[in-house]
């Protein structure tokens, strides 16, 4: 038996989250296979075959896989599931959309947000907004997992020599259809994979100040911009910038929190950052309890000064 990793891709390149999922899968003590379901996805399959640790790549090619609709990808995974002990997804929007469907079709209980694999049937996952870690023993015949990408290193993109095998495509179930997508193009790194993140909270005061204060600093550092839920709810930042339990989970080398109090749900999304710098005029702000460096100061003065000396 083997472990099946579900690749995330755009039919040409693999998304970085897939590399972290491969690293997690290698800890399950079984050969790692990868499913690339797409339309004209030969290049993505070839890239998958070069990943270190991948033993075989299964390529399912059909027009209805082009946009990765969860209903169709889940059907493809279920068609292959009998040959696998584990099915591994990255805990991304796509993975969280598909994994529960697969688990329901297989009549098994999924294990979500895995942060450590102790044994092939034993996993750790955070609970209570990350304030506790549960050890889960899973006896299901097929273990459906979503793994936090921040908890596992990315697998090397070279060194693998896996064979690419074509598999029959599952039929289009026609339960959903792709209508359109709006892609925002930016020169900034993607928030979930950025090495440096500059984030703002409700103390920014307005969307204008959010951009005026944080953007120059992020530009100097080559950083992604993030936001707390309070800042997003107040309309200061877009939803896709939200960091936290109900937003994106990040673990950059450097996280600079500007005017963020440090609510539990926000800390759950960034406390694994390697170095945390907090700038806040409230000395009692919870963010200081997790910060490696804390500056008790008015962010509207401190951040421009920091930007100026970089």
Protein backbone atom coordinates (compact mmCIF):
# COMPACT_ATOMS: atom_id res chain seq x y z
CA UNK A 1 0.00 0.00 0.00
CA UNK A 2 1.01 3.61 -0.46
CA UNK A 3 0.20 7.23 0.35
CA UNK A 4 -1.56 9.43 -2.22
CA UNK A 5 -0.81 13.15 -2.26
CA UNK A 6 -3.26 15.35 -4.16
CA UNK A 7 -1.37 17.93 -6.20
CA UNK A 8 -2.48 21.54 -6.45
CA UNK A 9 -1.51 23.10 -9.76
CA UNK A 10 -2.56 25.36 -12.62
CA UNK A 11 -2.03 22.62 -15.22
CA UNK A 12 1.51 23.90 -15.81
CA UNK A 13 3.21 24.45 -12.46
CA UNK A 14 2.70 22.94 -9.02
CA UNK A 15 1.71 25.17 -6.14
CA UNK A 16 4.19 25.37 -3.31
CA UNK A 17 1.72 23.86 -0.84
CA UNK A 18 2.04 20.51 -2.64
CA UNK A 19 5.73 20.31 -1.74
CA UNK A 20 4.91 20.59 1.96
CA UNK A 21 2.24 17.91 1.61
CA UNK A 22 4.82 15.56 0.08
CA UNK A 23 7.13 16.07 3.06
CA UNK A 24 4.30 15.15 5.40
CA UNK A 25 3.39 12.10 3.33
CA UNK A 26 6.93 10.73 3.51
CA UNK A 27 6.49 10.41 7.30
CA UNK A 28 3.71 7.84 6.86
CA UNK A 29 6.18 5.00 6.24
CA UNK A 30 4.89 4.08 2.79
CA UNK A 31 5.67 4.83 -0.83
CA UNK A 32 4.41 8.25 -1.89
CA UNK A 33 2.32 8.61 -5.04
CA UNK A 34 0.89 11.87 -6.38
CA UNK A 35 -2.32 12.52 -8.28
CA UNK A 36 -2.24 15.27 -10.89
CA UNK A 37 -5.80 15.73 -12.14
CA UNK A 38 -6.11 18.43 -14.76
CA UNK A 39 -6.59 19.31 -18.39
CA UNK A 40 -3.44 19.32 -20.50
CA UNK A 41 -1.46 18.99 -17.28
CA UNK A 42 1.56 17.14 -18.66
CA UNK A 43 3.99 19.83 -17.49
CA UNK A 44 2.58 19.76 -13.98
CA UNK A 45 2.87 15.96 -13.95
CA UNK A 46 6.48 16.14 -15.13
CA UNK A 47 7.25 18.64 -12.37
CA UNK A 48 5.65 16.29 -9.85
CA UNK A 49 7.81 13.42 -11.08
CA UNK A 50 10.95 15.41 -10.29
CA UNK A 51 10.01 16.02 -6.62
CA UNK A 52 12.28 14.13 -4.24
CA UNK A 53 10.35 11.46 -2.35
CA UNK A 54 7.63 10.86 -4.95
CA UNK A 55 7.61 7.28 -6.24
CA UNK A 56 4.88 7.51 -8.87
CA UNK A 57 2.74 10.19 -10.50
CA UNK A 58 -0.82 9.41 -11.58
CA UNK A 59 -2.11 11.74 -14.28
CA UNK A 60 -5.85 12.01 -14.89
CA UNK A 61 -6.51 14.25 -17.88
CA UNK A 62 -9.97 15.54 -18.79
CA UNK A 63 -11.55 18.87 -19.67
CA UNK A 64 -13.69 18.91 -16.51
CA UNK A 65 -10.56 18.85 -14.32
CA UNK A 66 -9.21 22.08 -15.81
CA UNK A 67 -10.28 24.36 -12.95
CA UNK A 68 -10.00 21.86 -10.10
CA UNK A 69 -13.68 21.78 -9.16
CA UNK A 70 -13.97 19.98 -5.84
CA UNK A 71 -16.79 17.66 -6.90
CA UNK A 72 -14.88 16.27 -9.87
CA UNK A 73 -11.50 16.03 -8.15
CA UNK A 74 -13.11 14.24 -5.19
CA UNK A 75 -14.67 11.69 -7.55
CA UNK A 76 -11.26 11.02 -9.08
CA UNK A 77 -9.64 10.56 -5.68
CA UNK A 78 -12.37 8.18 -4.53
CA UNK A 79 -11.88 6.09 -7.69
CA UNK A 80 -8.24 5.54 -6.69
CA UNK A 81 -8.66 5.33 -2.91
CA UNK A 82 -8.80 1.52 -2.63
CA UNK A 83 -5.06 1.30 -3.33
CA UNK A 84 -4.01 3.68 -0.56
CA UNK A 85 -3.78 3.78 3.23
CA UNK A 86 -3.49 7.56 3.38
CA UNK A 87 -4.78 10.39 1.21
CA UNK A 88 -2.99 13.67 1.91
CA UNK A 89 -4.12 17.19 1.04
CA UNK A 90 -2.48 20.49 1.88
CA UNK A 91 -4.65 22.46 4.32
CA UNK A 92 -5.38 25.16 1.75
CA UNK A 93 -8.72 26.45 0.49
CA UNK A 94 -8.64 23.77 -2.21
CA UNK A 95 -7.60 20.95 0.11
CA UNK A 96 -10.19 21.88 2.72
CA UNK A 97 -12.83 21.89 0.00
CA UNK A 98 -12.03 18.47 -1.43
CA UNK A 99 -10.91 16.42 1.58
CA UNK A 100 -14.28 16.36 3.44
CA UNK A 101 -16.04 15.26 0.25
CA UNK A 102 -13.57 12.41 -0.18
CA UNK A 103 -13.93 11.36 3.46
CA UNK A 104 -17.73 11.40 3.23
CA UNK A 105 -17.71 9.30 0.06
CA UNK A 106 -15.36 6.79 1.74
CA UNK A 107 -17.37 6.89 4.99
CA UNK A 108 -14.32 7.71 7.12
CA UNK A 109 -13.54 10.50 9.58
CA UNK A 110 -10.91 12.92 8.24
CA UNK A 111 -8.12 14.37 10.35
CA UNK A 112 -7.68 18.06 9.60
CA UNK A 113 -4.88 20.59 10.12
CA UNK A 114 -2.25 17.98 10.95
CA UNK A 115 0.95 19.56 12.30
CA UNK A 116 2.92 16.40 13.13
CA UNK A 117 2.87 12.75 12.12
CA UNK A 118 3.92 10.61 15.08
CA UNK A 119 3.16 7.26 13.44
CA UNK A 120 1.18 6.15 10.38
CA UNK A 121 -1.99 6.15 12.49
CA UNK A 122 -1.13 8.87 15.02
CA UNK A 123 -1.24 12.59 14.31
CA UNK A 124 -1.10 15.91 16.12
CA UNK A 125 -3.44 18.79 15.34
CA UNK A 126 -4.12 22.10 17.11
CA UNK A 127 -7.41 22.71 18.92
CA UNK A 128 -8.90 25.67 20.79
CA UNK A 129 -7.41 28.18 18.34
CA UNK A 130 -3.98 26.64 18.77
CA UNK A 131 -3.94 26.86 22.56
CA UNK A 132 -3.74 23.08 22.85
CA UNK A 133 -2.50 20.26 20.66
CA UNK A 134 -4.52 17.05 20.37
CA UNK A 135 -2.92 13.69 19.61
CA UNK A 136 -5.31 11.77 17.38
CA UNK A 137 -5.24 8.00 16.89
CA UNK A 138 -6.97 7.20 13.60
CA UNK A 139 -8.12 3.62 12.99
CA UNK A 140 -9.88 4.33 9.69
CA UNK A 141 -8.95 1.99 6.82
CA UNK A 142 -8.15 5.02 4.68
CA UNK A 143 -6.79 8.04 6.52
CA UNK A 144 -7.82 11.32 4.88
CA UNK A 145 -5.54 14.11 6.08
CA UNK A 146 -5.12 17.82 5.53
CA UNK A 147 -1.69 19.00 6.64
CA UNK A 148 -0.61 22.49 7.62
CA UNK A 149 2.04 23.61 5.19
CA UNK A 150 3.76 25.71 7.85
CA UNK A 151 4.46 22.59 9.93
CA UNK A 152 6.44 20.68 7.28
CA UNK A 153 9.40 21.71 5.17
CA UNK A 154 8.95 21.84 1.42
CA UNK A 155 10.19 18.75 -0.42
CA UNK A 156 13.07 19.40 -2.87
CA UNK A 157 11.76 20.10 -6.38
CA UNK A 158 14.57 18.10 -7.96
CA UNK A 159 16.07 14.69 -7.36
CA UNK A 160 13.01 12.58 -8.05
CA UNK A 161 12.75 10.14 -10.95
CA UNK A 162 9.14 9.00 -10.66
CA UNK A 163 7.28 7.47 -13.58
CA UNK A 164 4.16 9.23 -14.88
CA UNK A 165 1.22 6.87 -15.32
CA UNK A 166 -2.01 7.82 -17.06
CA UNK A 167 -5.15 6.72 -15.21
CA UNK A 168 -8.77 6.74 -16.41
CA UNK A 169 -10.52 10.01 -15.64
CA UNK A 170 -13.62 9.90 -13.48
CA UNK A 171 -16.75 11.14 -15.24
CA UNK A 172 -17.91 14.73 -14.95
CA UNK A 173 -20.64 14.65 -12.28
CA UNK A 174 -22.02 18.02 -13.47
CA UNK A 175 -22.88 19.12 -9.95
CA UNK A 176 -20.96 22.35 -10.42
CA UNK A 177 -19.47 24.37 -13.24
CA UNK A 178 -16.75 26.94 -13.57
CA UNK A 179 -18.09 30.42 -14.29
CA UNK A 180 -15.19 32.87 -13.99
CA UNK A 181 -12.27 33.93 -11.86
CA UNK A 182 -10.69 37.26 -11.00
CA UNK A 183 -6.98 37.06 -10.36
CA UNK A 184 -5.19 39.93 -8.67
CA UNK A 185 -1.65 40.19 -9.99
CA UNK A 186 0.98 41.57 -7.67
CA UNK A 187 4.74 41.83 -7.53
CA UNK A 188 4.60 40.95 -3.85
CA UNK A 189 5.22 37.37 -2.69
CA UNK A 190 2.18 35.27 -1.86
CA UNK A 191 1.20 35.72 1.77
CA UNK A 192 1.32 32.04 2.75
CA UNK A 193 4.82 31.45 1.36
CA UNK A 194 6.45 34.86 1.94
CA UNK A 195 9.66 34.95 4.00
CA UNK A 196 8.72 38.33 5.46
CA UNK A 197 5.22 39.53 6.36
CA UNK A 198 4.24 43.04 7.46
CA UNK A 199 0.78 43.01 9.04
CA UNK A 200 -1.53 45.71 10.33
CA UNK A 201 -4.40 45.73 12.79
CA UNK A 202 -7.41 47.85 13.66
CA UNK A 203 -5.12 50.51 15.11
CA UNK A 204 -4.21 51.49 11.55
CA UNK A 205 -7.41 53.56 11.64
CA UNK A 206 -8.31 53.53 7.95
CA UNK A 207 -7.60 51.81 4.66
CA UNK A 208 -5.68 54.90 3.55
CA UNK A 209 -3.38 54.77 6.56
CA UNK A 210 -3.05 51.02 6.15
CA UNK A 211 -1.54 51.50 2.71
CA UNK A 212 0.33 54.71 3.53
CA UNK A 213 2.15 53.26 6.55
CA UNK A 214 2.66 49.58 5.69
CA UNK A 215 3.25 49.61 1.94
CA UNK A 216 6.59 51.51 2.02
CA UNK A 217 7.92 49.18 4.71
CA UNK A 218 6.79 46.10 2.80
CA UNK A 219 8.38 47.48 -0.37
CA UNK A 220 11.71 48.01 1.38
CA UNK A 221 11.70 44.48 2.79
CA UNK A 222 10.23 42.70 -0.23
CA UNK A 223 7.49 41.50 2.11
CA UNK A 224 3.91 40.36 1.80
CA UNK A 225 1.22 42.40 3.54
CA UNK A 226 -1.16 40.82 6.03
CA UNK A 227 -3.95 42.00 8.29
CA UNK A 228 -5.77 41.01 11.44
CA UNK A 229 -9.42 40.02 11.31
CA UNK A 230 -10.35 43.29 13.03
CA UNK A 231 -8.65 45.27 10.26
CA UNK A 232 -10.41 43.25 7.57
CA UNK A 233 -13.80 43.57 9.29
CA UNK A 234 -13.28 47.31 9.53
CA UNK A 235 -12.65 47.47 5.79
CA UNK A 236 -9.02 48.51 6.07
CA UNK A 237 -7.72 45.50 4.11
CA UNK A 238 -9.01 42.88 1.69
CA UNK A 239 -10.24 39.49 2.93
CA UNK A 240 -7.39 37.62 1.24
CA UNK A 241 -4.89 39.44 3.48
CA UNK A 242 -6.38 38.11 6.72
CA UNK A 243 -4.01 36.14 8.93
CA UNK A 244 -5.45 33.96 11.68
CA UNK A 245 -7.57 30.98 12.55
CA UNK A 246 -10.28 32.07 10.11
CA UNK A 247 -7.77 33.45 7.61
CA UNK A 248 -4.40 32.27 6.36
CA UNK A 249 -1.79 30.41 8.37
CA UNK A 250 1.70 31.84 7.90
CA UNK A 251 5.14 31.04 9.27
CA UNK A 252 7.61 33.48 7.70
CA UNK A 253 11.18 34.10 8.78
CA UNK A 254 10.09 37.56 9.99
CA UNK A 255 6.60 38.74 11.01
CA UNK A 256 6.16 42.43 11.82
CA UNK A 257 2.86 43.11 13.61
CA UNK A 258 1.88 46.77 13.54
CA UNK A 259 -1.01 47.86 15.74
CA UNK A 260 -2.19 44.28 16.29
CA UNK A 261 -3.39 43.51 19.82
CA UNK A 262 -2.83 39.76 19.53
CA UNK A 263 -6.25 38.15 19.81
CA UNK A 264 -6.16 34.37 20.16
CA UNK A 265 -7.53 33.76 16.68
CA UNK A 266 -4.80 35.94 15.13
CA UNK A 267 -2.00 34.33 17.11
CA UNK A 268 -3.17 30.94 15.85
CA UNK A 269 -2.28 32.03 12.34
CA UNK A 270 1.20 33.47 12.88
CA UNK A 271 2.75 32.29 16.14
CA UNK A 272 4.97 29.76 14.32
CA UNK A 273 6.84 32.63 12.63
CA UNK A 274 10.58 32.37 13.23
CA UNK A 275 10.98 35.96 14.47
CA UNK A 276 8.04 38.11 15.57
CA UNK A 277 8.35 41.87 15.94
CA UNK A 278 5.45 43.72 17.58
CA UNK A 279 4.88 47.48 17.44
CA UNK A 280 2.05 48.63 19.70
CA UNK A 281 1.51 51.54 22.09
CA UNK A 282 -0.43 49.32 24.52
CA UNK A 283 2.12 47.74 26.84
CA UNK A 284 -0.46 45.13 27.90
CA UNK A 285 -1.22 43.92 24.36
CA UNK A 286 -1.17 40.08 24.22
CA UNK A 287 0.98 40.23 21.06
CA UNK A 288 3.98 41.03 23.25
CA UNK A 289 3.69 37.62 24.92
CA UNK A 290 4.67 35.85 21.71
CA UNK A 291 6.93 38.55 20.24
CA UNK A 292 10.69 38.07 20.07
CA UNK A 293 11.09 41.85 19.88
CA UNK A 294 8.55 44.35 21.13
CA UNK A 295 8.42 48.09 20.64
CA UNK A 296 6.00 50.06 22.80
CA UNK A 297 5.43 53.04 20.53
CA UNK A 298 2.98 54.83 18.29
CA UNK A 299 3.08 52.90 15.02
CA UNK A 300 2.38 56.07 13.00
CA UNK A 301 5.76 57.40 14.14
CA UNK A 302 7.73 54.18 14.61
CA UNK A 303 6.96 52.46 11.30
CA UNK A 304 7.94 55.44 9.07
CA UNK A 305 11.15 55.80 11.11
CA UNK A 306 11.91 52.11 10.61
CA UNK A 307 11.20 52.42 6.89
CA UNK A 308 13.48 55.45 6.62
CA UNK A 309 16.52 53.70 8.08
CA UNK A 310 16.22 50.56 5.94
